[in-house]
Amino acid sequence: MSGEGLEVFLDELATSKETVVQAASQGRAEEQDIVQITEEGHPWYACLLIVTEVSSIGVKGYLPQPSGENTVQTLSFQQFQRVGRAVITRP
C-alpha cells in the first residue's frame, strides 16, 4: 500500500471510530451493531441483539438462532447498551 493510500485508509478508519464512539456515548447504535438489553423488566433482559434498523425512537434488532429463524425485537434507546460491531469472521 502506498503512503498516500495508507493515509486515506487511516483517515477513514479514524472517522468510522469517531462515529462509533459518538453513537455509543449518546446511547445510540448503528446497523450491524451488537446491543445488550439492559432494562431489567424486559423479558429478554441481558440478551444480545444485532441491530438491523435505527429510527429516531430506538432500534430494531434480531436475536440470532441456530435454526435460522431470527426473532426480532424493537427497543427504545433507554432499553439497551451498545456492545460493539458485529463482524463475520471466517477461518
N, C-alpha and C. Protein backbone atom coordinates (compact mmCIF):
# COMPACT_ATOMS: atom_id res chain seq x y z
N MET A 1 0.86 -1.17 0.00
CA MET A 1 0.00 0.00 0.00
C MET A 1 0.90 1.22 0.00
N SER A 2 0.61 2.18 -0.88
CA SER A 2 1.42 3.40 -0.94
C SER A 2 1.17 4.26 0.29
N GLY A 3 2.11 5.18 0.55
CA GLY A 3 1.97 6.06 1.71
C GLY A 3 0.68 6.85 1.66
N GLU A 4 0.33 7.34 0.45
CA GLU A 4 -0.91 8.13 0.30
C GLU A 4 -2.14 7.26 0.56
N GLY A 5 -2.13 6.04 0.05
CA GLY A 5 -3.25 5.13 0.27
C GLY A 5 -3.42 4.79 1.74
N LEU A 6 -2.30 4.63 2.43
CA LEU A 6 -2.33 4.32 3.86
C LEU A 6 -2.92 5.49 4.64
N GLU A 7 -2.54 6.72 4.27
CA GLU A 7 -3.08 7.90 4.96
C GLU A 7 -4.59 7.98 4.78
N VAL A 8 -5.08 7.73 3.57
CA VAL A 8 -6.52 7.77 3.31
C VAL A 8 -7.22 6.70 4.14
N PHE A 9 -6.64 5.48 4.17
CA PHE A 9 -7.22 4.39 4.96
C PHE A 9 -7.30 4.78 6.44
N LEU A 10 -6.20 5.33 6.97
CA LEU A 10 -6.18 5.71 8.38
C LEU A 10 -7.16 6.83 8.67
N ASP A 11 -7.33 7.78 7.74
CA ASP A 11 -8.32 8.84 7.92
C ASP A 11 -9.72 8.26 7.98
N GLU A 12 -10.03 7.32 7.07
CA GLU A 12 -11.35 6.70 7.05
C GLU A 12 -11.57 5.89 8.32
N LEU A 13 -10.56 5.18 8.79
CA LEU A 13 -10.66 4.39 10.00
C LEU A 13 -10.93 5.29 11.20
N ALA A 14 -10.22 6.40 11.30
CA ALA A 14 -10.42 7.33 12.41
C ALA A 14 -11.84 7.89 12.38
N THR A 15 -12.33 8.23 11.20
CA THR A 15 -13.68 8.76 11.09
C THR A 15 -14.71 7.73 11.51
N SER A 16 -14.54 6.47 11.10
CA SER A 16 -15.51 5.44 11.47
C SER A 16 -15.48 5.19 12.97
N LYS A 17 -14.29 5.22 13.59
CA LYS A 17 -14.20 5.01 15.03
C LYS A 17 -14.86 6.16 15.77
N GLU A 18 -14.66 7.39 15.29
CA GLU A 18 -15.29 8.55 15.93
C GLU A 18 -16.81 8.41 15.87
N THR A 19 -17.32 7.97 14.73
CA THR A 19 -18.76 7.80 14.58
C THR A 19 -19.28 6.78 15.57
N VAL A 20 -18.58 5.66 15.72
CA VAL A 20 -19.00 4.61 16.65
C VAL A 20 -18.93 5.13 18.08
N VAL A 21 -17.85 5.84 18.43
CA VAL A 21 -17.70 6.37 19.78
C VAL A 21 -18.80 7.38 20.07
N GLN A 22 -19.09 8.27 19.11
CA GLN A 22 -20.15 9.25 19.30
C GLN A 22 -21.49 8.56 19.50
N ALA A 23 -21.78 7.55 18.68
CA ALA A 23 -23.04 6.83 18.80
C ALA A 23 -23.14 6.16 20.15
N ALA A 24 -22.06 5.53 20.59
CA ALA A 24 -22.08 4.84 21.89
C ALA A 24 -22.25 5.83 23.03
N SER A 25 -21.58 6.98 22.93
CA SER A 25 -21.68 7.96 24.02
C SER A 25 -23.07 8.56 24.12
N GLN A 26 -23.81 8.53 23.02
CA GLN A 26 -25.18 9.05 23.03
C GLN A 26 -26.19 7.94 23.33
N GLY A 27 -25.71 6.74 23.60
CA GLY A 27 -26.61 5.62 23.89
C GLY A 27 -27.31 5.12 22.65
N ARG A 28 -26.77 5.46 21.49
CA ARG A 28 -27.39 5.06 20.23
C ARG A 28 -26.60 3.94 19.59
N ALA A 29 -27.09 3.44 18.50
CA ALA A 29 -26.42 2.36 17.80
C ALA A 29 -26.59 2.56 16.30
N GLU A 30 -25.81 1.81 15.55
CA GLU A 30 -25.88 1.82 14.10
C GLU A 30 -26.24 0.42 13.63
N GLU A 31 -26.66 0.29 12.37
CA GLU A 31 -26.95 -1.03 11.81
C GLU A 31 -25.70 -1.90 11.93
N GLN A 32 -25.91 -3.16 12.23
CA GLN A 32 -24.88 -4.19 12.42
C GLN A 32 -24.15 -4.07 13.75
N ASP A 33 -24.60 -3.19 14.66
CA ASP A 33 -24.04 -3.15 16.00
C ASP A 33 -24.66 -4.26 16.84
N ILE A 34 -23.95 -4.69 17.86
CA ILE A 34 -24.47 -5.63 18.84
C ILE A 34 -24.88 -4.80 20.04
N VAL A 35 -26.10 -5.01 20.51
CA VAL A 35 -26.59 -4.31 21.70
C VAL A 35 -27.06 -5.33 22.72
N GLN A 36 -26.99 -4.95 23.99
CA GLN A 36 -27.48 -5.81 25.06
C GLN A 36 -28.66 -5.13 25.73
N ILE A 37 -29.72 -5.88 25.94
CA ILE A 37 -30.90 -5.33 26.61
C ILE A 37 -30.55 -5.16 28.09
N THR A 38 -30.68 -3.94 28.58
CA THR A 38 -30.29 -3.62 29.95
C THR A 38 -31.46 -3.27 30.85
N GLU A 39 -32.66 -3.27 30.31
CA GLU A 39 -33.85 -2.98 31.13
C GLU A 39 -34.25 -4.26 31.86
N GLU A 40 -34.11 -4.24 33.17
CA GLU A 40 -34.34 -5.46 33.97
C GLU A 40 -35.74 -6.04 33.83
N GLY A 41 -36.74 -5.24 33.57
CA GLY A 41 -38.09 -5.74 33.44
C GLY A 41 -38.40 -6.33 32.07
N HIS A 42 -37.51 -6.18 31.11
CA HIS A 42 -37.74 -6.68 29.75
C HIS A 42 -37.63 -8.20 29.75
N PRO A 43 -38.54 -8.90 29.04
CA PRO A 43 -38.50 -10.37 29.03
C PRO A 43 -37.20 -10.93 28.44
N TRP A 44 -36.49 -10.15 27.65
CA TRP A 44 -35.23 -10.60 27.05
C TRP A 44 -34.03 -9.95 27.75
N TYR A 45 -34.21 -9.55 28.99
CA TYR A 45 -33.14 -8.89 29.74
C TYR A 45 -31.82 -9.64 29.60
N ALA A 46 -30.76 -8.91 29.30
CA ALA A 46 -29.38 -9.40 29.15
C ALA A 46 -29.09 -10.10 27.83
N CYS A 47 -30.09 -10.27 26.95
CA CYS A 47 -29.85 -10.88 25.64
C CYS A 47 -29.09 -9.91 24.74
N LEU A 48 -28.34 -10.47 23.80
CA LEU A 48 -27.62 -9.69 22.81
C LEU A 48 -28.38 -9.73 21.49
N LEU A 49 -28.54 -8.58 20.86
CA LEU A 49 -29.22 -8.48 19.57
C LEU A 49 -28.31 -7.84 18.55
N ILE A 50 -28.53 -8.11 17.28
CA ILE A 50 -27.83 -7.43 16.20
C ILE A 50 -28.81 -6.44 15.58
N VAL A 51 -28.40 -5.18 15.51
CA VAL A 51 -29.27 -4.10 15.03
C VAL A 51 -29.44 -4.18 13.52
N THR A 52 -30.69 -4.13 13.08
CA THR A 52 -30.99 -4.14 11.65
C THR A 52 -31.55 -2.81 11.16
N GLU A 53 -32.07 -2.00 12.08
CA GLU A 53 -32.70 -0.74 11.70
C GLU A 53 -32.62 0.24 12.86
N VAL A 54 -32.32 1.49 12.56
CA VAL A 54 -32.26 2.54 13.57
C VAL A 54 -33.28 3.61 13.21
N SER A 55 -34.07 4.04 14.20
CA SER A 55 -35.03 5.11 13.97
C SER A 55 -34.80 6.21 15.01
N SER A 56 -35.62 7.23 14.97
CA SER A 56 -35.46 8.34 15.91
C SER A 56 -35.84 7.94 17.34
N ILE A 57 -36.58 6.85 17.51
CA ILE A 57 -37.02 6.45 18.85
C ILE A 57 -36.31 5.22 19.39
N GLY A 58 -35.55 4.52 18.55
CA GLY A 58 -34.88 3.32 19.01
C GLY A 58 -34.32 2.49 17.88
N VAL A 59 -34.23 1.19 18.13
CA VAL A 59 -33.67 0.27 17.14
C VAL A 59 -34.55 -0.96 16.99
N LYS A 60 -34.38 -1.63 15.88
CA LYS A 60 -34.98 -2.94 15.66
C LYS A 60 -33.80 -3.88 15.47
N GLY A 61 -33.83 -5.01 16.16
CA GLY A 61 -32.73 -5.96 16.06
C GLY A 61 -33.22 -7.38 16.19
N TYR A 62 -32.34 -8.32 15.87
CA TYR A 62 -32.72 -9.72 15.96
C TYR A 62 -31.77 -10.50 16.84
N LEU A 63 -32.31 -11.55 17.40
CA LEU A 63 -31.56 -12.49 18.21
C LEU A 63 -31.23 -13.68 17.31
N PRO A 64 -29.96 -13.87 16.93
CA PRO A 64 -29.62 -14.98 16.03
C PRO A 64 -29.97 -16.33 16.66
N GLN A 65 -30.55 -17.20 15.87
CA GLN A 65 -30.95 -18.52 16.32
C GLN A 65 -30.25 -19.58 15.46
N PRO A 66 -29.78 -20.67 16.04
CA PRO A 66 -29.15 -21.73 15.25
C PRO A 66 -30.08 -22.29 14.17
N SER A 67 -31.39 -22.25 14.43
CA SER A 67 -32.34 -22.79 13.46
C SER A 67 -32.49 -21.89 12.24
N GLY A 68 -31.96 -20.67 12.32
CA GLY A 68 -32.09 -19.73 11.21
C GLY A 68 -33.31 -18.84 11.32
N GLU A 69 -34.21 -19.15 12.25
CA GLU A 69 -35.40 -18.32 12.47
C GLU A 69 -35.05 -17.26 13.50
N ASN A 70 -34.71 -16.06 13.03
CA ASN A 70 -34.29 -14.99 13.93
C ASN A 70 -35.50 -14.27 14.49
N THR A 71 -35.51 -14.03 15.80
CA THR A 71 -36.59 -13.35 16.48
C THR A 71 -36.27 -11.86 16.56
N VAL A 72 -37.22 -11.01 16.16
CA VAL A 72 -36.99 -9.57 16.08
C VAL A 72 -37.62 -8.86 17.28
N GLN A 73 -36.91 -7.86 17.80
CA GLN A 73 -37.40 -7.02 18.89
C GLN A 73 -37.20 -5.57 18.50
N THR A 74 -38.09 -4.70 18.97
CA THR A 74 -37.92 -3.26 18.83
C THR A 74 -37.66 -2.69 20.21
N LEU A 75 -36.60 -1.88 20.33
CA LEU A 75 -36.19 -1.34 21.62
C LEU A 75 -36.04 0.17 21.55
N SER A 76 -36.42 0.86 22.63
CA SER A 76 -36.13 2.29 22.72
C SER A 76 -34.68 2.44 23.16
N PHE A 77 -34.11 3.62 22.98
CA PHE A 77 -32.71 3.83 23.33
C PHE A 77 -32.43 3.61 24.81
N GLN A 78 -33.43 3.74 25.67
CA GLN A 78 -33.24 3.56 27.11
C GLN A 78 -33.19 2.08 27.50
N GLN A 79 -33.55 1.17 26.61
CA GLN A 79 -33.64 -0.24 26.95
C GLN A 79 -32.38 -1.06 26.67
N PHE A 80 -31.36 -0.45 26.07
CA PHE A 80 -30.19 -1.23 25.70
C PHE A 80 -28.91 -0.42 25.84
N GLN A 81 -27.80 -1.14 25.77
CA GLN A 81 -26.47 -0.54 25.74
C GLN A 81 -25.72 -1.13 24.56
N ARG A 82 -25.04 -0.30 23.80
CA ARG A 82 -24.26 -0.77 22.66
C ARG A 82 -23.04 -1.54 23.17
N VAL A 83 -22.81 -2.72 22.58
CA VAL A 83 -21.67 -3.55 22.97
C VAL A 83 -20.53 -3.38 21.97
N GLY A 84 -20.83 -3.41 20.69
CA GLY A 84 -19.80 -3.29 19.65
C GLY A 84 -20.37 -3.59 18.29
N ARG A 85 -19.50 -3.78 17.34
CA ARG A 85 -19.88 -4.04 15.94
C ARG A 85 -19.89 -5.54 15.67
N ALA A 86 -20.92 -6.02 14.98
CA ALA A 86 -20.99 -7.43 14.59
C ALA A 86 -20.14 -7.62 13.34
N VAL A 87 -19.20 -8.56 13.40
CA VAL A 87 -18.31 -8.83 12.27
C VAL A 87 -18.29 -10.32 12.04
N ILE A 88 -18.47 -10.71 10.79
CA ILE A 88 -18.40 -12.13 10.44
C ILE A 88 -16.93 -12.50 10.25
N THR A 89 -16.47 -13.49 10.98
CA THR A 89 -15.09 -13.95 10.82
C THR A 89 -15.09 -15.32 10.18
N ARG A 90 -14.13 -15.53 9.35
CA ARG A 90 -14.00 -16.82 8.69
C ARG A 90 -12.59 -17.34 8.92
N PRO A 91 -12.43 -18.66 9.12
CA PRO A 91 -11.09 -19.22 9.35
C PRO A 91 -10.19 -19.10 8.13
